[in-house]
Protein backbone atom coordinates (compact mmCIF):
# COMPACT_ATOMS: atom_id res chain seq x y z
CA MET A 1 -1.19 -3.96 -37.52
CA ASP A 2 1.02 -0.69 -38.63
CA ALA A 3 4.22 0.53 -36.90
CA LEU A 4 2.77 3.70 -36.89
CA LEU A 5 -1.39 2.98 -35.71
CA ASP A 6 0.63 0.29 -33.00
CA HIS A 7 3.05 3.52 -31.89
CA VAL A 8 -1.07 5.88 -31.62
CA ILE A 9 -3.10 3.54 -30.34
CA ALA A 10 -0.63 3.10 -27.71
CA ALA A 11 -0.31 7.52 -26.61
CA HIS A 12 -4.10 7.27 -26.89
CA GLY A 13 -4.32 4.62 -23.91
CA GLY A 14 -3.38 1.04 -25.21
CA LEU A 15 -6.18 -1.41 -27.08
CA ASP A 16 -6.81 -3.42 -23.62
CA GLN A 17 -8.05 -0.28 -21.99
CA TRP A 18 -10.73 0.63 -24.73
CA LYS A 19 -11.23 -3.09 -24.83
CA ASN A 20 -12.34 -3.30 -21.16
CA HIS A 21 -14.78 -0.91 -21.57
CA SER A 22 -18.33 -0.90 -24.06
CA THR A 23 -19.46 2.37 -23.87
CA LEU A 24 -18.80 5.99 -23.58
CA THR A 25 -20.78 9.21 -22.72
CA ALA A 26 -19.83 13.03 -22.49
CA ARG A 27 -21.10 16.82 -23.23
CA VAL A 28 -20.55 17.16 -26.72
CA THR A 29 -20.80 21.29 -28.52
CA TYR A 30 -21.70 21.73 -32.04
CA GLY A 31 -21.18 24.98 -32.58
CA GLY A 32 -20.51 27.35 -36.02
CA PRO A 33 -21.62 28.69 -39.02
CA PHE A 34 -23.03 24.88 -40.85
CA TRP A 35 -25.88 24.04 -38.66
CA GLU A 36 -28.03 27.28 -39.76
CA PHE A 37 -26.72 27.13 -43.77
CA LYS A 38 -27.92 23.88 -43.80
CA GLY A 39 -31.67 24.38 -42.32
CA ASN A 40 -31.96 23.67 -38.64
CA PRO A 41 -29.70 26.34 -36.19
CA ASP A 42 -31.63 24.99 -33.71
CA PHE A 43 -29.42 21.69 -34.06
CA ALA A 44 -26.17 23.61 -32.16
CA GLY A 45 -25.98 23.57 -28.77
CA SER A 46 -24.69 20.76 -26.41
CA TYR A 47 -25.68 16.85 -26.15
CA ALA A 48 -24.96 14.76 -23.30
CA VAL A 49 -23.95 11.86 -25.37
CA GLU A 50 -23.82 7.91 -25.20
CA ALA A 51 -21.05 6.16 -27.81
CA ASP A 52 -20.95 2.48 -28.24
CA LEU A 53 -17.52 1.42 -28.58
CA GLN A 54 -17.70 -1.82 -29.88
CA LYS A 55 -20.48 -0.54 -32.42
CA GLN A 56 -21.75 2.19 -34.47
CA HIS A 57 -24.54 3.14 -32.15
CA PHE A 58 -24.83 6.75 -31.06
CA ARG A 59 -27.68 8.38 -28.74
CA GLN A 60 -27.49 12.17 -27.54
CA VAL A 61 -29.72 14.08 -26.11
CA GLN A 62 -29.95 18.05 -26.41
CA GLU A 63 -29.76 19.82 -23.59
CA ALA A 64 -31.93 22.51 -23.80
CA THR A 65 -34.69 20.26 -24.94
CA GLY A 66 -33.92 16.97 -24.35
CA ARG A 67 -34.51 16.36 -27.82
CA THR A 68 -32.46 12.76 -28.85
CA VAL A 69 -31.37 11.30 -31.03
CA VAL A 70 -30.85 8.02 -31.64
CA PHE A 71 -28.69 6.81 -34.77
CA SER A 72 -27.68 2.61 -35.60
CA LYS A 73 -26.19 1.34 -38.41
CA LEU A 74 -27.14 -2.52 -37.23
CA ASP A 75 -30.69 -1.20 -37.86
CA ASP A 76 -29.65 1.74 -41.18
CA ARG A 77 -31.80 4.09 -39.26
CA VAL A 78 -31.76 7.68 -37.37
CA SER A 79 -34.32 8.80 -35.33
CA LEU A 80 -35.35 12.33 -33.23
CA SER A 81 -37.96 12.42 -30.47
CA GLU A 82 -38.39 15.21 -28.17
CA ALA A 83 -38.87 15.10 -24.40
CA ASP A 84 -41.67 13.60 -23.84
CA GLY A 85 -41.00 10.98 -26.86
CA THR A 86 -42.72 12.29 -29.72
CA VAL A 87 -40.67 11.11 -32.77
CA VAL A 88 -40.22 14.72 -34.66
CA ASP A 89 -38.41 13.33 -37.55
CA GLU A 90 -36.92 9.93 -38.91
CA LEU A 91 -35.31 8.07 -41.59
CA ASP A 92 -34.51 4.95 -42.49
CA GLY A 93 -31.76 4.15 -45.10
CA PRO A 94 -30.47 7.61 -44.14
CA ARG A 95 -27.43 8.01 -46.43
CA ALA A 96 -28.44 6.72 -49.72
CA THR A 97 -31.23 9.78 -48.66
CA PHE A 98 -27.77 12.29 -49.75
CA ASP A 99 -27.85 10.71 -53.39
CA GLY A 100 -27.06 13.93 -56.13
CA TYR A 101 -26.37 16.93 -52.41
CA ALA A 102 -24.03 19.11 -53.32
CA PRO A 103 -22.10 21.66 -50.74
CA ASP A 104 -24.98 24.06 -50.66
CA THR A 105 -28.23 21.69 -50.41
CA GLN A 106 -29.73 21.69 -47.06
CA TRP A 107 -30.29 19.40 -45.04
CA SER A 108 -33.80 17.96 -43.17
CA LEU A 109 -33.78 17.71 -39.28
CA ALA A 110 -32.95 13.91 -39.43
CA GLN A 111 -30.71 14.71 -42.27
CA GLU A 112 -28.67 16.99 -39.77
CA ALA A 113 -28.81 14.45 -36.97
CA TYR A 114 -27.17 11.37 -39.05
CA PHE A 115 -24.01 13.54 -39.89
CA SER A 116 -23.53 14.79 -36.67
CA SER A 117 -24.20 10.91 -34.94
CA TYR A 118 -22.00 8.96 -37.33
CA ALA A 119 -19.33 11.30 -36.97
CA VAL A 120 -19.30 12.29 -34.02
CA TRP A 121 -18.81 8.57 -32.96
CA HIS A 122 -16.15 8.32 -35.49
CA TYR A 123 -14.44 11.09 -32.86
CA LEU A 124 -14.44 9.87 -29.75
CA LEU A 125 -13.62 6.02 -30.84
CA GLU A 126 -10.44 7.24 -32.94
CA PRO A 127 -8.01 5.45 -33.21
CA TYR A 128 -9.74 2.72 -31.12
CA LEU A 129 -11.90 2.24 -34.37
CA PHE A 130 -8.14 1.77 -37.10
CA ALA A 131 -8.01 -1.79 -34.65
CA TRP A 132 -10.86 -2.86 -35.65
CA PRO A 133 -11.61 -6.19 -37.79
CA GLY A 134 -12.14 -4.85 -41.06
CA VAL A 135 -10.57 -1.23 -40.95
CA GLU A 136 -6.98 -1.42 -43.18
CA ALA A 137 -4.76 1.56 -41.61
CA HIS A 138 -1.15 2.36 -42.95
CA GLU A 139 1.51 4.67 -42.23
CA VAL A 140 1.56 7.01 -45.62
CA GLU A 141 3.94 10.63 -46.17
CA PRO A 142 3.19 13.21 -44.13
CA TRP A 143 2.36 16.13 -43.61
CA THR A 144 4.08 19.34 -43.46
CA GLU A 145 2.30 22.28 -41.17
CA GLY A 146 4.83 25.40 -40.79
CA ASP A 147 7.95 24.10 -39.69
CA THR A 148 6.82 20.87 -37.86
CA VAL A 149 6.18 17.38 -39.93
CA TRP A 150 2.59 15.12 -38.20
CA ARG A 151 3.15 11.31 -39.45
CA GLY A 152 0.36 10.00 -42.20
CA LEU A 153 -2.08 7.22 -41.78
CA SER A 154 -4.66 6.10 -44.14
CA VAL A 155 -7.06 4.69 -43.63
CA THR A 156 -9.68 2.74 -44.66
CA PHE A 157 -13.05 1.42 -43.65
CA PRO A 158 -15.35 -1.33 -45.03
CA GLU A 159 -19.33 -1.18 -45.69
CA SER A 160 -20.97 -2.24 -41.76
CA VAL A 161 -18.97 1.69 -41.05
CA ASP A 162 -21.00 4.91 -41.98
CA THR A 163 -18.05 7.53 -42.16
CA HIS A 164 -17.11 10.80 -44.48
CA ASN A 165 -15.62 8.67 -46.91
CA THR A 166 -14.74 5.12 -48.00
CA THR A 167 -10.67 6.29 -47.50
CA GLU A 168 -9.30 9.01 -44.58
CA SER A 169 -6.12 10.74 -43.64
CA TYR A 170 -5.15 11.30 -40.23
CA TYR A 171 -1.73 13.04 -39.44
CA PHE A 172 -0.53 12.45 -36.41
CA ASP A 173 2.81 14.37 -33.63
CA ASP A 174 5.39 13.31 -32.27
CA ALA A 175 3.70 11.29 -29.32
CA GLY A 176 1.66 10.08 -31.94
CA LEU A 177 -1.41 11.88 -31.06
CA LEU A 178 -3.63 13.41 -33.38
CA ARG A 179 -3.56 16.75 -34.80
CA ARG A 180 -5.28 16.44 -38.27
CA MET A 181 -7.35 14.75 -40.36
CA ASP A 182 -8.10 14.96 -43.54
CA TYR A 183 -11.49 14.09 -45.49
CA ALA A 184 -14.13 15.60 -48.51
CA PRO A 185 -17.41 14.10 -46.52
CA GLU A 186 -19.90 12.01 -49.44
CA VAL A 187 -22.95 13.47 -47.59
CA ASN A 188 -21.76 17.04 -48.46
CA GLY A 189 -21.06 16.88 -52.07
CA ARG A 190 -17.29 16.10 -51.12
CA PRO A 191 -15.84 19.70 -50.31
CA PRO A 192 -12.95 18.98 -49.14
CA VAL A 193 -11.84 19.54 -45.59
CA ALA A 194 -9.12 20.22 -43.04
CA HIS A 195 -10.14 18.67 -40.02
CA TYR A 196 -7.80 20.27 -36.51
CA VAL A 197 -8.07 18.92 -33.09
CA ARG A 198 -7.18 21.98 -31.49
CA GLN A 199 -7.34 20.10 -27.60
CA GLN A 200 -6.37 16.99 -26.03
CA ASP A 201 -7.68 15.41 -22.70
CA SER A 202 -7.23 12.47 -20.98
CA PHE A 203 -9.93 10.63 -18.85
CA HIS A 204 -9.37 7.40 -16.60
CA GLY A 205 -5.88 6.61 -18.84
CA ILE A 206 -7.24 7.31 -22.49
CA VAL A 207 -6.45 10.35 -24.92
CA VAL A 208 -9.28 12.06 -25.95
CA PRO A 209 -9.79 14.91 -28.47
CA THR A 210 -11.60 17.71 -26.55
CA GLU A 211 -11.75 20.52 -29.21
CA ARG A 212 -12.69 20.23 -33.10
CA HIS A 213 -12.10 22.26 -35.61
CA VAL A 214 -13.43 22.14 -39.34
CA HIS A 215 -11.98 24.08 -42.03
CA GLY A 216 -12.19 24.54 -45.51
CA ARG A 217 -9.02 22.56 -47.89
CA ASN A 218 -7.47 24.59 -50.14
CA GLU A 219 -6.16 23.19 -53.49
CA ASP A 220 -3.02 22.90 -52.15
CA GLY A 221 -3.52 21.33 -49.02
CA THR A 222 -3.65 23.76 -46.63
CA PRO A 223 -6.55 24.99 -44.18
CA ASP A 224 -9.11 28.12 -45.35
CA LEU A 225 -7.94 29.31 -41.75
CA SER A 226 -10.78 32.20 -42.97
CA ALA A 227 -13.87 30.65 -41.17
CA ILE A 228 -14.26 27.64 -38.96
CA PRO A 229 -17.60 26.19 -39.95
CA ILE A 230 -17.54 23.66 -37.24
CA THR A 231 -16.60 23.12 -34.20
CA VAL A 232 -17.31 20.42 -31.77
CA ASP A 233 -16.14 20.62 -28.19
CA VAL A 234 -16.02 17.24 -25.96
CA GLY A 235 -16.27 17.43 -21.91
CA GLY A 236 -16.92 15.47 -19.27
CA VAL A 237 -15.86 11.86 -20.61
CA GLU A 238 -16.07 8.84 -18.79
CA PHE A 239 -16.11 4.60 -19.74
CA HIS A 240 -17.96 1.88 -18.89
């Protein structure tokens, strides 16, 4: 294992802690203007979520409506249903439906559900996910944020895992905690993103980022702090 990755995983609780659990449950709140811009303002809000820790499977139930989203990478399918079980929208092979999309292309409800599901599943499993079979990680050039230097980790994911990009960059402080990640989501026309972790908390000995701000990324790599298109807040984390 890469030395930086080893340090990072230890800082977040260690492999044994993660491997001893099968699922993670939490309360996740989506905010920011992105959801309305993409055509589905009602998608924002708080959800009770369940993330499988050993395969890419994610379930989220909107607190206000009871609407349920289920994404399964194994089945390559995302579905939305009302509290009474009535199917609202669904997609088989959801990734392919974004082909040719630009940043200003609006999404269907199922596409928005797919995006949030694969992304937040990732966020909840990182950095444990980096040690999965088929995932490659190695240290790269650091990023200087003001007068602070964060060590860089390049992570490449296999086709068996849906993510923003096949290869993404992550930056960690001296304690080994995640501070920023850089990517350009394929499903959204590849706009450059600087995604910051603003707060982290420990749950049962495992550190989980609990406040995330997603910014645009300028050509020089600096974040565009004039707007926060997406916020993701996490609380009430339990491991099972």
